[in-house]
């Protein structure tokens, strides 16, 4: 939603009004997610199958639409380092306001990224625990030291 969310929230924080500051950040986050949902709908329309969905808000919340939009750092894509590749492929450093921190968090915080998948049978899922042999292979494929990959995927090991 832009750096303005952070700046506006800071105004209230500087005045000692932490509640309003937190609420502004929360609204910024929700607006970023709503924009991502709207763009997902537009993409589904462009692909030709969103035009006839006629989904209620509840249907959308229950993900009854065709396709998914998983994002790095969420259960189906726990590896935050993939955002670096995404930023590179999209030349995002030059084209968007958001930046990646050294830990691959997006700044401003009320930002989202993800992948749109249109396969009719695609579904969201949680990735199970990653075994040592899988970690070793994944680190090799990404050309990242195993110790670093272990740090990034620690919650899933």
N, C-alpha and C. Protein backbone atom coordinates (compact mmCIF):
# COMPACT_ATOMS: atom_id res chain seq x y z
N UNK A 1 0.82 -1.20 0.00
CA UNK A 1 0.00 0.00 0.00
C UNK A 1 0.86 1.25 0.00
N UNK A 2 2.16 1.07 0.05
CA UNK A 2 3.06 2.22 -0.04
C UNK A 2 3.62 2.65 1.30
N UNK A 3 4.69 3.40 1.21
CA UNK A 3 5.38 3.86 2.42
C UNK A 3 4.52 4.83 3.23
N UNK A 4 3.48 5.39 2.60
CA UNK A 4 2.62 6.33 3.30
C UNK A 4 1.95 5.71 4.53
N UNK A 5 1.66 4.41 4.46
CA UNK A 5 1.06 3.72 5.61
C UNK A 5 2.02 3.81 6.80
N UNK A 6 3.29 3.52 6.55
CA UNK A 6 4.29 3.58 7.62
C UNK A 6 4.45 5.01 8.15
N UNK A 7 4.49 5.97 7.23
CA UNK A 7 4.66 7.37 7.64
C UNK A 7 3.47 7.87 8.45
N UNK A 8 2.27 7.53 8.01
CA UNK A 8 1.06 7.96 8.71
C UNK A 8 1.00 7.31 10.10
N UNK A 9 1.32 6.02 10.17
CA UNK A 9 1.32 5.31 11.45
C UNK A 9 2.35 5.92 12.40
N UNK A 10 3.49 6.32 11.86
CA UNK A 10 4.54 6.91 12.68
C UNK A 10 4.09 8.24 13.31
N UNK A 11 3.30 9.00 12.58
CA UNK A 11 2.79 10.27 13.13
C UNK A 11 2.06 10.01 14.45
N UNK A 12 1.23 8.99 14.49
CA UNK A 12 0.47 8.68 15.70
C UNK A 12 1.36 8.08 16.78
N UNK A 13 2.29 7.24 16.36
CA UNK A 13 3.22 6.64 17.31
C UNK A 13 4.05 7.72 17.99
N UNK A 14 4.50 8.71 17.20
CA UNK A 14 5.29 9.81 17.76
C UNK A 14 4.48 10.64 18.76
N UNK A 15 3.17 10.64 18.62
CA UNK A 15 2.29 11.38 19.54
C UNK A 15 1.90 10.52 20.75
N UNK A 16 2.42 9.28 20.80
CA UNK A 16 2.10 8.38 21.90
C UNK A 16 0.81 7.61 21.71
N UNK A 17 0.23 7.68 20.51
CA UNK A 17 -1.02 6.98 20.23
C UNK A 17 -0.71 5.67 19.49
N UNK A 18 -0.20 4.71 20.25
CA UNK A 18 0.18 3.42 19.66
C UNK A 18 -1.00 2.66 19.08
N UNK A 19 -2.16 2.79 19.72
CA UNK A 19 -3.35 2.07 19.25
C UNK A 19 -3.69 2.49 17.81
N UNK A 20 -3.77 3.78 17.56
CA UNK A 20 -4.09 4.25 16.21
C UNK A 20 -2.99 3.85 15.23
N UNK A 21 -1.75 3.92 15.64
CA UNK A 21 -0.63 3.52 14.80
C UNK A 21 -0.76 2.05 14.38
N UNK A 22 -1.07 1.19 15.34
CA UNK A 22 -1.24 -0.23 15.05
C UNK A 22 -2.43 -0.47 14.12
N UNK A 23 -3.51 0.25 14.36
CA UNK A 23 -4.71 0.10 13.53
C UNK A 23 -4.44 0.54 12.08
N UNK A 24 -3.68 1.61 11.90
CA UNK A 24 -3.33 2.06 10.55
C UNK A 24 -2.52 1.00 9.84
N UNK A 25 -1.55 0.41 10.53
CA UNK A 25 -0.73 -0.66 9.92
C UNK A 25 -1.60 -1.87 9.59
N UNK A 26 -2.52 -2.22 10.49
CA UNK A 26 -3.40 -3.37 10.25
C UNK A 26 -4.29 -3.10 9.03
N UNK A 27 -4.82 -1.89 8.93
CA UNK A 27 -5.64 -1.55 7.76
C UNK A 27 -4.82 -1.57 6.48
N UNK A 28 -3.58 -1.09 6.54
CA UNK A 28 -2.69 -1.15 5.38
C UNK A 28 -2.47 -2.58 4.93
N UNK A 29 -2.24 -3.48 5.90
CA UNK A 29 -2.04 -4.90 5.58
C UNK A 29 -3.29 -5.50 4.93
N UNK A 30 -4.45 -5.22 5.50
CA UNK A 30 -5.71 -5.75 4.95
C UNK A 30 -5.98 -5.20 3.56
N UNK A 31 -5.66 -3.93 3.34
CA UNK A 31 -5.87 -3.33 2.01
C UNK A 31 -4.93 -3.95 0.98
N UNK A 32 -3.70 -4.25 1.39
CA UNK A 32 -2.76 -4.91 0.48
C UNK A 32 -3.29 -6.30 0.10
N UNK A 33 -3.80 -7.04 1.08
CA UNK A 33 -4.37 -8.36 0.80
C UNK A 33 -5.61 -8.25 -0.09
N UNK A 34 -6.44 -7.24 0.15
CA UNK A 34 -7.63 -7.04 -0.69
C UNK A 34 -7.24 -6.73 -2.12
N UNK A 35 -6.20 -5.92 -2.29
CA UNK A 35 -5.73 -5.61 -3.64
C UNK A 35 -5.22 -6.87 -4.33
N UNK A 36 -4.51 -7.72 -3.59
CA UNK A 36 -4.02 -8.97 -4.16
C UNK A 36 -5.20 -9.85 -4.60
N UNK A 37 -6.26 -9.90 -3.80
CA UNK A 37 -7.46 -10.66 -4.18
C UNK A 37 -8.11 -10.08 -5.43
N UNK A 38 -8.18 -8.75 -5.50
CA UNK A 38 -8.77 -8.11 -6.67
C UNK A 38 -7.95 -8.41 -7.93
N UNK A 39 -6.63 -8.33 -7.80
CA UNK A 39 -5.78 -8.62 -8.95
C UNK A 39 -5.89 -10.09 -9.35
N UNK A 40 -6.02 -10.98 -8.36
CA UNK A 40 -6.20 -12.40 -8.67
C UNK A 40 -7.49 -12.60 -9.46
N UNK A 41 -8.54 -11.90 -9.09
CA UNK A 41 -9.81 -11.97 -9.82
C UNK A 41 -9.64 -11.46 -11.25
N UNK A 42 -8.93 -10.34 -11.41
CA UNK A 42 -8.70 -9.80 -12.76
C UNK A 42 -7.89 -10.77 -13.61
N UNK A 43 -6.91 -11.42 -13.01
CA UNK A 43 -6.12 -12.41 -13.74
C UNK A 43 -7.00 -13.59 -14.16
N UNK A 44 -7.85 -14.07 -13.25
CA UNK A 44 -8.75 -15.17 -13.60
C UNK A 44 -9.69 -14.75 -14.73
N UNK A 45 -10.16 -13.50 -14.68
CA UNK A 45 -11.00 -12.99 -15.78
C UNK A 45 -10.22 -12.98 -17.09
N UNK A 46 -8.97 -12.50 -17.05
CA UNK A 46 -8.15 -12.47 -18.27
C UNK A 46 -7.88 -13.87 -18.81
N UNK A 47 -7.80 -14.85 -17.91
CA UNK A 47 -7.58 -16.22 -18.35
C UNK A 47 -8.86 -16.85 -18.88
N UNK A 48 -9.99 -16.17 -18.69
CA UNK A 48 -11.23 -16.62 -19.27
C UNK A 48 -12.17 -17.40 -18.38
N UNK A 49 -11.73 -17.83 -17.23
CA UNK A 49 -12.63 -18.62 -16.39
C UNK A 49 -13.15 -17.85 -15.18
N UNK A 50 -12.64 -16.68 -14.92
CA UNK A 50 -13.14 -15.88 -13.79
C UNK A 50 -14.44 -15.17 -14.11
N UNK A 51 -14.71 -14.98 -15.39
CA UNK A 51 -15.90 -14.23 -15.81
C UNK A 51 -17.20 -14.90 -15.40
N UNK A 52 -17.19 -16.20 -15.27
CA UNK A 52 -18.41 -16.95 -14.95
C UNK A 52 -18.43 -17.49 -13.53
N UNK A 53 -17.49 -17.06 -12.69
CA UNK A 53 -17.41 -17.61 -11.33
C UNK A 53 -18.62 -17.27 -10.47
N UNK A 54 -19.04 -16.01 -10.48
CA UNK A 54 -20.19 -15.57 -9.69
C UNK A 54 -20.09 -16.05 -8.23
N UNK A 55 -18.96 -15.74 -7.60
CA UNK A 55 -18.70 -16.20 -6.23
C UNK A 55 -19.13 -15.17 -5.20
N UNK A 56 -19.65 -15.65 -4.09
CA UNK A 56 -19.96 -14.77 -2.96
C UNK A 56 -18.66 -14.50 -2.20
N UNK A 57 -18.70 -13.54 -1.28
CA UNK A 57 -17.52 -13.28 -0.44
C UNK A 57 -17.12 -14.53 0.33
N UNK A 58 -18.11 -15.25 0.81
CA UNK A 58 -17.84 -16.49 1.56
C UNK A 58 -17.15 -17.51 0.68
N UNK A 59 -17.60 -17.64 -0.59
CA UNK A 59 -16.96 -18.56 -1.53
C UNK A 59 -15.51 -18.19 -1.76
N UNK A 60 -15.23 -16.88 -1.87
CA UNK A 60 -13.86 -16.42 -2.08
C UNK A 60 -13.02 -16.74 -0.86
N UNK A 61 -13.55 -16.49 0.32
CA UNK A 61 -12.83 -16.79 1.56
C UNK A 61 -12.53 -18.29 1.64
N UNK A 62 -13.47 -19.11 1.18
CA UNK A 62 -13.29 -20.57 1.19
C UNK A 62 -12.49 -21.06 -0.02
N UNK A 63 -11.98 -20.10 -0.83
CA UNK A 63 -11.12 -20.39 -1.97
C UNK A 63 -11.77 -21.33 -2.97
N UNK A 64 -13.03 -21.05 -3.31
CA UNK A 64 -13.75 -21.89 -4.26
C UNK A 64 -13.51 -21.49 -5.71
N UNK A 65 -12.61 -20.54 -5.92
CA UNK A 65 -12.27 -20.13 -7.27
C UNK A 65 -11.24 -21.09 -7.89
N UNK A 66 -11.09 -20.98 -9.20
CA UNK A 66 -10.09 -21.79 -9.89
C UNK A 66 -8.75 -21.08 -9.78
N UNK A 67 -7.71 -21.83 -9.48
CA UNK A 67 -6.37 -21.27 -9.36
C UNK A 67 -6.03 -20.89 -7.93
N UNK A 68 -4.76 -20.66 -7.71
CA UNK A 68 -4.27 -20.26 -6.38
C UNK A 68 -3.23 -19.16 -6.55
N UNK A 69 -2.94 -18.47 -5.46
CA UNK A 69 -1.86 -17.47 -5.47
C UNK A 69 -1.00 -17.66 -4.22
N UNK A 70 -0.21 -18.74 -4.20
CA UNK A 70 0.67 -18.96 -3.05
C UNK A 70 1.77 -17.90 -3.02
N UNK A 71 2.33 -17.69 -1.84
CA UNK A 71 3.35 -16.67 -1.67
C UNK A 71 4.52 -17.19 -0.85
N UNK A 72 5.74 -16.76 -1.19
CA UNK A 72 6.90 -17.17 -0.41
C UNK A 72 6.72 -16.80 1.06
N UNK A 73 7.04 -17.76 1.92
CA UNK A 73 6.92 -17.55 3.36
C UNK A 73 5.66 -18.14 3.95
N UNK A 74 4.70 -18.49 3.11
CA UNK A 74 3.47 -19.12 3.58
C UNK A 74 3.61 -20.63 3.49
N UNK A 75 2.69 -21.40 4.08
CA UNK A 75 2.86 -22.85 4.20
C UNK A 75 3.21 -23.60 2.91
N UNK A 76 2.64 -23.23 1.78
CA UNK A 76 2.93 -23.96 0.55
C UNK A 76 4.28 -23.57 -0.06
N UNK A 77 4.83 -22.44 0.35
CA UNK A 77 6.12 -21.93 -0.17
C UNK A 77 6.94 -21.35 0.98
N UNK A 78 7.44 -22.18 1.87
CA UNK A 78 8.07 -21.65 3.09
C UNK A 78 9.41 -20.94 2.88
N UNK A 79 10.00 -21.06 1.71
CA UNK A 79 11.33 -20.50 1.48
C UNK A 79 11.24 -19.03 1.08
N UNK A 80 11.55 -18.13 2.02
CA UNK A 80 11.51 -16.69 1.75
C UNK A 80 12.53 -16.26 0.71
N UNK A 81 13.62 -17.03 0.54
CA UNK A 81 14.66 -16.62 -0.41
C UNK A 81 14.14 -16.59 -1.84
N UNK A 82 13.03 -17.26 -2.11
CA UNK A 82 12.45 -17.24 -3.46
C UNK A 82 11.99 -15.84 -3.84
N UNK A 83 11.73 -14.98 -2.84
CA UNK A 83 11.37 -13.60 -3.16
C UNK A 83 12.51 -12.89 -3.87
N UNK A 84 13.74 -13.26 -3.56
CA UNK A 84 14.89 -12.66 -4.26
C UNK A 84 14.83 -12.95 -5.75
N UNK A 85 14.53 -14.20 -6.10
CA UNK A 85 14.40 -14.58 -7.51
C UNK A 85 13.22 -13.86 -8.14
N UNK A 86 12.12 -13.79 -7.43
CA UNK A 86 10.93 -13.09 -7.92
C UNK A 86 11.26 -11.63 -8.21
N UNK A 87 11.97 -10.97 -7.28
CA UNK A 87 12.34 -9.57 -7.46
C UNK A 87 13.23 -9.41 -8.69
N UNK A 88 14.16 -10.36 -8.86
CA UNK A 88 15.07 -10.29 -10.00
C UNK A 88 14.33 -10.48 -11.33
N UNK A 89 13.48 -11.50 -11.40
CA UNK A 89 12.74 -11.78 -12.63
C UNK A 89 11.84 -10.62 -13.05
N UNK A 90 11.24 -9.97 -12.07
CA UNK A 90 10.32 -8.87 -12.34
C UNK A 90 11.01 -7.51 -12.42
N UNK A 91 12.33 -7.49 -12.18
CA UNK A 91 13.07 -6.23 -12.11
C UNK A 91 12.36 -5.29 -11.12
N UNK A 92 11.91 -5.88 -10.03
CA UNK A 92 11.08 -5.15 -9.05
C UNK A 92 11.82 -3.99 -8.41
N UNK A 93 13.13 -4.11 -8.29
CA UNK A 93 13.90 -3.02 -7.67
C UNK A 93 13.67 -1.70 -8.42
N UNK A 94 13.48 -1.80 -9.72
CA UNK A 94 13.27 -0.61 -10.55
C UNK A 94 11.79 -0.28 -10.75
N UNK A 95 10.90 -1.27 -10.58
CA UNK A 95 9.51 -1.09 -11.00
C UNK A 95 8.50 -0.94 -9.87
N UNK A 96 8.85 -1.30 -8.66
CA UNK A 96 7.89 -1.17 -7.55
C UNK A 96 8.53 -0.42 -6.39
N UNK A 97 7.70 0.07 -5.50
CA UNK A 97 8.17 0.85 -4.36
C UNK A 97 8.74 -0.07 -3.28
N UNK A 98 8.20 -1.27 -3.16
CA UNK A 98 8.63 -2.18 -2.09
C UNK A 98 10.06 -2.67 -2.34
N UNK A 99 10.78 -2.86 -1.25
CA UNK A 99 12.12 -3.42 -1.32
C UNK A 99 12.17 -4.67 -0.45
N UNK A 100 13.21 -5.47 -0.64
CA UNK A 100 13.44 -6.64 0.21
C UNK A 100 14.53 -6.32 1.21
N UNK A 101 14.30 -6.69 2.45
CA UNK A 101 15.34 -6.54 3.46
C UNK A 101 16.32 -7.69 3.32
N UNK A 102 17.38 -7.69 4.11
CA UNK A 102 18.36 -8.78 4.05
C UNK A 102 17.74 -10.11 4.46
N UNK A 103 16.61 -10.07 5.17
CA UNK A 103 15.90 -11.28 5.57
C UNK A 103 14.72 -11.59 4.66
N UNK A 104 14.66 -10.91 3.51
CA UNK A 104 13.62 -11.10 2.50
C UNK A 104 12.23 -10.67 2.95
N UNK A 105 12.16 -9.85 3.98
CA UNK A 105 10.88 -9.23 4.34
C UNK A 105 10.67 -8.07 3.37
N UNK A 106 9.42 -7.79 3.06
CA UNK A 106 9.14 -6.68 2.17
C UNK A 106 8.93 -5.41 2.99
N UNK A 107 9.46 -4.31 2.46
CA UNK A 107 9.24 -3.01 3.09
C UNK A 107 8.79 -2.06 2.00
N UNK A 108 7.71 -1.32 2.19
CA UNK A 108 6.91 -1.21 3.40
C UNK A 108 6.21 -2.52 3.75
N UNK A 109 5.91 -2.65 5.03
CA UNK A 109 5.36 -3.91 5.54
C UNK A 109 4.01 -4.26 4.92
N UNK A 110 3.21 -3.29 4.57
CA UNK A 110 1.89 -3.60 3.97
C UNK A 110 2.05 -3.83 2.47
N UNK A 111 2.84 -4.87 2.16
CA UNK A 111 3.10 -5.29 0.78
C UNK A 111 2.87 -6.78 0.69
N UNK A 112 2.51 -7.25 -0.49
CA UNK A 112 2.34 -8.69 -0.71
C UNK A 112 3.03 -9.08 -2.02
N UNK A 113 3.42 -10.33 -2.10
CA UNK A 113 3.95 -10.88 -3.35
C UNK A 113 3.45 -12.31 -3.45
N UNK A 114 3.49 -12.86 -4.62
CA UNK A 114 3.04 -14.24 -4.78
C UNK A 114 3.07 -14.68 -6.22
N UNK A 115 2.60 -15.89 -6.43
CA UNK A 115 2.56 -16.50 -7.75
C UNK A 115 1.11 -16.82 -8.08
N UNK A 116 0.70 -16.58 -9.30
CA UNK A 116 -0.65 -16.96 -9.72
C UNK A 116 -0.54 -18.27 -10.50
N UNK A 117 -1.34 -19.25 -10.10
CA UNK A 117 -1.37 -20.55 -10.75
C UNK A 117 -2.80 -20.79 -11.23
N UNK A 118 -2.96 -21.20 -12.47
CA UNK A 118 -4.31 -21.35 -13.00
C UNK A 118 -4.76 -22.79 -13.22
N UNK A 119 -3.93 -23.75 -12.94
CA UNK A 119 -4.31 -25.15 -13.16
C UNK A 119 -5.63 -25.45 -12.45
N UNK A 120 -6.60 -26.07 -13.16
CA UNK A 120 -7.94 -26.26 -12.58
C UNK A 120 -7.96 -27.02 -11.25
N UNK A 121 -7.03 -27.94 -11.06
CA UNK A 121 -7.03 -28.74 -9.84
C UNK A 121 -6.07 -28.22 -8.78
N UNK A 122 -5.50 -27.03 -9.00
CA UNK A 122 -4.56 -26.51 -8.01
C UNK A 122 -5.30 -26.17 -6.71
N UNK A 123 -4.67 -26.49 -5.60
CA UNK A 123 -5.24 -26.26 -4.27
C UNK A 123 -4.12 -25.77 -3.36
N UNK A 124 -4.50 -25.00 -2.34
CA UNK A 124 -3.54 -24.62 -1.32
C UNK A 124 -3.23 -25.84 -0.46
N UNK A 125 -2.02 -25.88 0.06
CA UNK A 125 -1.64 -27.01 0.92
C UNK A 125 -0.56 -26.54 1.88
N UNK A 126 -0.38 -27.29 2.94
CA UNK A 126 0.71 -27.05 3.87
C UNK A 126 1.83 -28.01 3.55
N UNK A 127 3.02 -27.51 3.54
CA UNK A 127 4.18 -28.35 3.31
C UNK A 127 4.49 -29.09 4.60
N UNK A 128 4.74 -30.39 4.48
CA UNK A 128 5.08 -31.17 5.66
C UNK A 128 6.51 -30.89 6.11
N UNK A 129 6.96 -31.62 7.08
CA UNK A 129 8.32 -31.44 7.58
C UNK A 129 9.33 -31.87 6.51
N UNK A 130 10.44 -31.16 6.46
CA UNK A 130 11.49 -31.42 5.48
C UNK A 130 12.55 -32.27 6.15
N UNK A 131 12.87 -33.42 5.53
CA UNK A 131 13.91 -34.31 6.06
C UNK A 131 15.29 -33.80 5.66
N UNK A 132 16.32 -34.30 6.33
CA UNK A 132 17.70 -33.87 6.08
C UNK A 132 18.12 -34.08 4.63
N UNK A 133 17.76 -35.24 4.07
CA UNK A 133 18.15 -35.50 2.68
C UNK A 133 17.50 -34.51 1.72
N UNK A 134 16.26 -34.11 2.01
CA UNK A 134 15.58 -33.12 1.17
C UNK A 134 16.24 -31.75 1.31
N UNK A 135 16.60 -31.40 2.52
CA UNK A 135 17.27 -30.13 2.77
C UNK A 135 18.59 -30.08 2.00
N UNK A 136 19.37 -31.14 2.07
CA UNK A 136 20.67 -31.20 1.39
C UNK A 136 20.49 -31.03 -0.12
N UNK A 137 19.53 -31.74 -0.70
CA UNK A 137 19.27 -31.63 -2.14
C UNK A 137 18.79 -30.25 -2.53
N UNK A 138 17.92 -29.69 -1.74
CA UNK A 138 17.38 -28.36 -2.03
C UNK A 138 18.49 -27.31 -1.97
N UNK A 139 19.34 -27.40 -0.96
CA UNK A 139 20.46 -26.46 -0.84
C UNK A 139 21.38 -26.57 -2.04
N UNK A 140 21.62 -27.79 -2.51
CA UNK A 140 22.46 -27.99 -3.70
C UNK A 140 21.83 -27.34 -4.93
N UNK A 141 20.52 -27.57 -5.11
CA UNK A 141 19.82 -27.02 -6.27
C UNK A 141 19.83 -25.49 -6.27
N UNK A 142 19.75 -24.90 -5.08
CA UNK A 142 19.75 -23.45 -4.97
C UNK A 142 21.16 -22.88 -4.88
N UNK A 143 22.16 -23.76 -4.80
CA UNK A 143 23.55 -23.35 -4.67
C UNK A 143 23.73 -22.44 -3.44
N UNK A 144 23.14 -22.89 -2.33
CA UNK A 144 23.21 -22.19 -1.05
C UNK A 144 23.82 -23.17 -0.05
N UNK A 145 24.72 -22.71 0.83
CA UNK A 145 25.26 -23.62 1.84
C UNK A 145 24.13 -24.25 2.66
N UNK A 146 24.31 -25.50 3.00
CA UNK A 146 23.28 -26.23 3.76
C UNK A 146 22.93 -25.51 5.05
N UNK A 147 23.93 -24.95 5.73
CA UNK A 147 23.68 -24.26 7.00
C UNK A 147 22.77 -23.05 6.80
N UNK A 148 22.96 -22.34 5.69
CA UNK A 148 22.10 -21.19 5.42
C UNK A 148 20.68 -21.63 5.08
N UNK A 149 20.57 -22.70 4.28
CA UNK A 149 19.24 -23.21 3.93
C UNK A 149 18.52 -23.71 5.17
N UNK A 150 19.28 -24.31 6.07
CA UNK A 150 18.71 -24.79 7.34
C UNK A 150 18.13 -23.62 8.14
N UNK A 151 18.83 -22.49 8.12
CA UNK A 151 18.35 -21.30 8.84
C UNK A 151 17.04 -20.81 8.24
N UNK A 152 16.95 -20.78 6.90
CA UNK A 152 15.74 -20.28 6.25
C UNK A 152 14.54 -21.20 6.45
N UNK A 153 14.79 -22.49 6.50
CA UNK A 153 13.69 -23.45 6.57
C UNK A 153 13.50 -24.06 7.96
N UNK A 154 14.16 -23.51 8.95
CA UNK A 154 14.12 -24.07 10.32
C UNK A 154 12.73 -24.46 10.80
N UNK A 155 11.70 -23.65 10.60
CA UNK A 155 10.38 -24.04 11.11
C UNK A 155 9.81 -25.29 10.43
N UNK A 156 10.34 -25.66 9.27
CA UNK A 156 9.82 -26.79 8.53
C UNK A 156 10.69 -28.03 8.62
N UNK A 157 11.74 -27.98 9.43
CA UNK A 157 12.64 -29.14 9.54
C UNK A 157 12.16 -30.08 10.63
